Amino acid sequence: MITNSPYEMASNFTPWVTGPLFNFHELTQIKKYTDNLPLEKGTLLNGEPVDENIRKCDVVFFGRNENNFWIFDKINSMINSVNDNFYNMDLFGYQDIQYTKYNSSGGKYVSHLDINTGTNNAYLTRKLSISILLNNTFLGGDFFINLGEYNKHIIKMNAGDYVVFPSFLLHGVSEITTGERESLVVWTLGPKFK
C-alpha cells in the first residue's frame, strides 16, 4: 500500500532482526573449521584492494562441503524464517560464506553498503545481509547500522548471535581495541529490486 506519510511507511519496515543461532559446542566446531582456512586481506565488492582506513580485516570464502554442511543448513533455516516473517523478499539463495577476522591492529570496516551498485548488469543482486558473531573475546568492534546522518545504532550481540538486514542499509564495524573479532557473513541473492 502506498502512503504519503513517511512515518507510516517506516512503521512497516523492519531495519534489522537479531537472535541466537549457534550454541557454544557449535561455535567450537566452527572455530576448528575456520582455523584451517587461509585468510587474505579484505577487498571491495569488485575485488579491488581497499584503503585500510576504510576496511581492515582478513577474510576467506568457503563453500558447502561434507565437513561444514551443518553450518549452511542452520543458516539456511534461519534466513528462510527471518525472510518469511519480516521481509518477504524474492531470494534465490547464496553461494559461499565469508569468514572474517578483525584484529586489534586497527581492524574495522567504516559505514558501507553491501548492495551491488553502479553499472552492474548482473541479474542477481544482494538482498539480505547476515552477520553472525563467533566470539566475544574483544573490545571495540561494535556492529552498527546507520539510520540517518546522526543515528548510528549499535547492535548488541553475543557469540553465536546473528543480525539480518536489507543490504541497502549503511552499516559497519567499529575499530577493534583489544583482541580479535570473528564472524561469518552471508549475502543472499535475488532479482534486482523494482
Protein backbone atom coordinates (compact mmCIF):
# COMPACT_ATOMS: atom_id res chain seq x y z
CA MET A 1 0.00 0.00 0.00
CA ILE A 2 1.37 3.43 -0.92
CA THR A 3 1.05 6.22 1.60
CA ASN A 4 2.18 9.84 1.78
CA SER A 5 3.27 9.51 5.38
CA PRO A 6 6.95 8.54 5.79
CA TYR A 7 6.26 7.72 9.45
CA GLU A 8 3.59 5.21 8.48
CA MET A 9 5.88 3.72 5.84
CA ALA A 10 8.74 3.42 8.35
CA SER A 11 6.48 1.60 10.83
CA ASN A 12 6.01 -1.14 8.22
CA PHE A 13 9.75 -1.66 7.72
CA THR A 14 11.98 -3.81 9.94
CA PRO A 15 15.52 -2.39 9.69
CA TRP A 16 17.15 -5.47 11.25
CA VAL A 17 16.41 -8.74 13.00
CA THR A 18 18.64 -10.37 15.63
CA GLY A 19 18.65 -13.61 17.53
CA PRO A 20 20.69 -16.61 18.68
CA LEU A 21 21.86 -19.17 16.11
CA PHE A 22 24.88 -21.22 17.23
CA ASN A 23 25.46 -22.65 20.72
CA PHE A 24 28.84 -23.00 22.48
CA HIS A 25 29.50 -26.51 21.13
CA GLU A 26 28.67 -25.41 17.57
CA LEU A 27 30.89 -22.32 17.89
CA THR A 28 33.76 -24.58 18.99
CA GLN A 29 33.25 -26.74 15.88
CA ILE A 30 33.13 -23.66 13.63
CA LYS A 31 36.36 -22.39 15.22
CA LYS A 32 38.11 -25.71 14.50
CA TYR A 33 36.96 -25.47 10.88
CA THR A 34 37.87 -21.81 10.31
CA ASP A 35 41.29 -22.12 11.99
CA ASN A 36 42.44 -24.18 8.98
CA LEU A 37 41.28 -21.71 6.32
CA PRO A 38 43.83 -19.45 4.53
CA LEU A 39 42.99 -15.78 5.14
CA GLU A 40 43.51 -12.86 2.74
CA LYS A 41 43.13 -9.11 3.15
CA GLY A 42 39.53 -7.94 2.74
CA THR A 43 38.81 -6.18 -0.57
CA LEU A 44 35.99 -4.20 -2.15
CA LEU A 45 32.94 -5.85 -3.72
CA ASN A 46 34.67 -5.99 -7.12
CA GLY A 47 37.86 -7.50 -5.68
CA GLU A 48 39.82 -4.23 -5.79
CA PRO A 49 42.26 -3.54 -2.92
CA VAL A 50 40.88 -1.20 -0.29
CA ASP A 51 42.42 1.56 1.80
CA GLU A 52 43.00 0.23 5.34
CA ASN A 53 41.45 3.44 6.68
CA ILE A 54 38.18 2.14 5.22
CA ARG A 55 38.38 -1.62 5.69
CA LYS A 56 40.99 -3.57 7.61
CA CYS A 57 40.27 -7.26 8.12
CA ASP A 58 41.22 -10.69 6.87
CA VAL A 59 38.69 -12.89 5.08
CA VAL A 60 38.21 -16.20 3.34
CA PHE A 61 35.21 -17.58 1.46
CA PHE A 62 34.17 -21.20 1.80
CA GLY A 63 31.52 -23.28 0.10
CA ARG A 64 29.38 -26.11 1.35
CA ASN A 65 31.10 -29.49 1.80
CA GLU A 66 30.86 -32.65 3.89
CA ASN A 67 32.67 -31.00 6.82
CA ASN A 68 30.55 -27.86 7.09
CA PHE A 69 27.14 -28.67 5.59
CA TRP A 70 25.51 -28.32 9.01
CA ILE A 71 26.63 -24.68 9.23
CA PHE A 72 24.92 -23.95 5.91
CA ASP A 73 21.78 -25.89 6.93
CA LYS A 74 21.41 -23.92 10.14
CA ILE A 75 21.99 -20.57 8.40
CA ASN A 76 19.56 -21.52 5.60
CA SER A 77 16.81 -22.33 8.09
CA MET A 78 17.33 -19.01 9.92
CA ILE A 79 17.32 -16.98 6.67
CA ASN A 80 14.11 -18.64 5.48
CA SER A 81 12.40 -17.98 8.81
CA VAL A 82 13.53 -14.33 9.04
CA ASN A 83 12.63 -13.61 5.43
CA ASP A 84 9.20 -15.25 5.74
CA ASN A 85 8.39 -13.38 8.96
CA PHE A 86 9.89 -9.93 8.28
CA TYR A 87 10.97 -9.15 4.71
CA ASN A 88 9.28 -11.45 2.20
CA MET A 89 11.95 -10.69 -0.43
CA ASP A 90 12.46 -12.74 -3.58
CA LEU A 91 15.59 -14.74 -2.72
CA PHE A 92 17.45 -17.36 -4.75
CA GLY A 93 20.00 -18.23 -2.06
CA TYR A 94 23.73 -17.64 -1.68
CA GLN A 95 26.85 -19.45 -2.78
CA ASP A 96 29.55 -19.03 -0.14
CA ILE A 97 30.07 -17.89 3.43
CA GLN A 98 32.70 -15.30 4.28
CA TYR A 99 34.72 -15.88 7.44
CA THR A 100 36.04 -12.52 8.68
CA LYS A 101 38.64 -11.69 11.32
CA TYR A 102 39.28 -8.17 12.63
CA ASN A 103 42.27 -7.74 14.95
CA SER A 104 43.43 -5.08 17.38
CA SER A 105 45.90 -3.50 14.97
CA GLY A 106 43.15 -1.20 13.69
CA GLY A 107 40.67 -3.77 12.39
CA LYS A 108 37.43 -2.10 11.25
CA TYR A 109 35.03 -1.50 8.36
CA VAL A 110 33.59 2.01 8.07
CA SER A 111 29.97 2.62 7.02
CA HIS A 112 29.23 0.91 3.73
CA LEU A 113 26.51 -0.76 1.67
CA ASP A 114 26.52 -4.41 0.61
CA ILE A 115 24.18 -3.97 -2.34
CA ASN A 116 25.56 -4.04 -5.87
CA THR A 117 25.63 -0.53 -7.31
CA GLY A 118 26.77 1.33 -10.41
CA THR A 119 26.59 -0.18 -13.89
CA ASN A 120 26.43 -3.80 -12.80
CA ASN A 121 24.18 -5.57 -15.30
CA ALA A 122 24.07 -8.85 -13.42
CA TYR A 123 20.62 -10.35 -12.97
CA LEU A 124 21.21 -11.10 -9.30
CA THR A 125 21.68 -8.55 -6.56
CA ARG A 126 22.35 -8.74 -2.86
CA LYS A 127 19.05 -8.53 -0.95
CA LEU A 128 19.64 -9.51 2.69
CA SER A 129 22.94 -9.32 4.56
CA ILE A 130 23.66 -11.60 7.50
CA SER A 131 26.45 -11.26 10.06
CA ILE A 132 26.98 -13.94 12.71
CA LEU A 133 29.27 -13.17 15.63
CA LEU A 134 31.53 -16.10 16.57
CA ASN A 135 33.23 -14.80 19.72
CA ASN A 136 33.17 -12.20 22.50
CA THR A 137 36.93 -12.04 23.19
CA PHE A 138 37.49 -8.47 22.02
CA LEU A 139 36.79 -4.85 22.90
CA GLY A 140 35.54 -2.30 20.40
CA GLY A 141 34.40 -3.93 17.18
CA ASP A 142 30.75 -2.93 17.58
CA PHE A 143 28.48 -3.81 14.67
CA PHE A 144 26.36 -0.77 13.79
CA ILE A 145 23.65 0.29 11.35
CA ASN A 146 23.25 3.90 10.25
CA LEU A 147 19.61 5.00 10.18
CA GLY A 148 20.39 8.62 9.40
CA GLU A 149 23.24 11.10 9.40
CA TYR A 150 23.36 11.27 13.20
CA ASN A 151 21.69 7.97 14.07
CA LYS A 152 24.27 5.17 14.36
CA HIS A 153 22.60 2.24 16.13
CA ILE A 154 24.92 -0.30 17.78
CA ILE A 155 23.61 -3.85 17.53
CA LYS A 156 24.42 -5.70 20.77
CA MET A 157 25.37 -9.30 20.01
CA ASN A 158 26.70 -12.27 21.94
CA ALA A 159 28.79 -15.08 20.49
CA GLY A 160 26.50 -17.19 18.29
CA ASP A 161 24.02 -14.36 17.56
CA TYR A 162 23.06 -13.14 14.09
CA VAL A 163 21.85 -9.88 12.64
CA VAL A 164 19.91 -9.82 9.34
CA PHE A 165 19.23 -6.57 7.49
CA PRO A 166 18.49 -5.35 3.96
CA SER A 167 21.74 -5.00 2.00
CA PHE A 168 20.93 -1.39 1.10
CA LEU A 169 21.37 -0.19 4.72
CA LEU A 170 24.59 1.58 5.72
CA HIS A 171 26.44 -0.47 8.33
CA GLY A 172 29.92 -1.23 9.61
CA VAL A 173 32.19 -2.48 12.38
CA SER A 174 33.92 0.00 14.69
CA GLU A 175 37.64 -0.27 15.33
CA ILE A 176 38.86 -3.16 17.47
CA THR A 177 40.83 -2.01 20.51
CA THR A 178 41.67 -5.38 22.11
CA GLY A 179 41.58 -8.98 20.89
CA GLU A 180 40.11 -10.37 17.66
CA ARG A 181 36.55 -10.23 16.35
CA GLU A 182 35.45 -13.23 14.28
CA SER A 183 32.28 -13.51 12.24
CA LEU A 184 30.53 -15.30 9.40
CA VAL A 185 28.94 -13.12 6.71
CA VAL A 186 26.39 -14.12 4.07
CA TRP A 187 24.71 -12.13 1.31
CA THR A 188 21.51 -13.62 -0.08
CA LEU A 189 20.87 -13.01 -3.75
CA GLY A 190 17.72 -12.38 -5.73
CA PRO A 191 16.39 -10.47 -8.73
CA LYS A 192 17.08 -6.73 -8.86
CA PHE A 193 14.80 -4.51 -6.77
CA LYS A 194 11.91 -2.95 -8.69
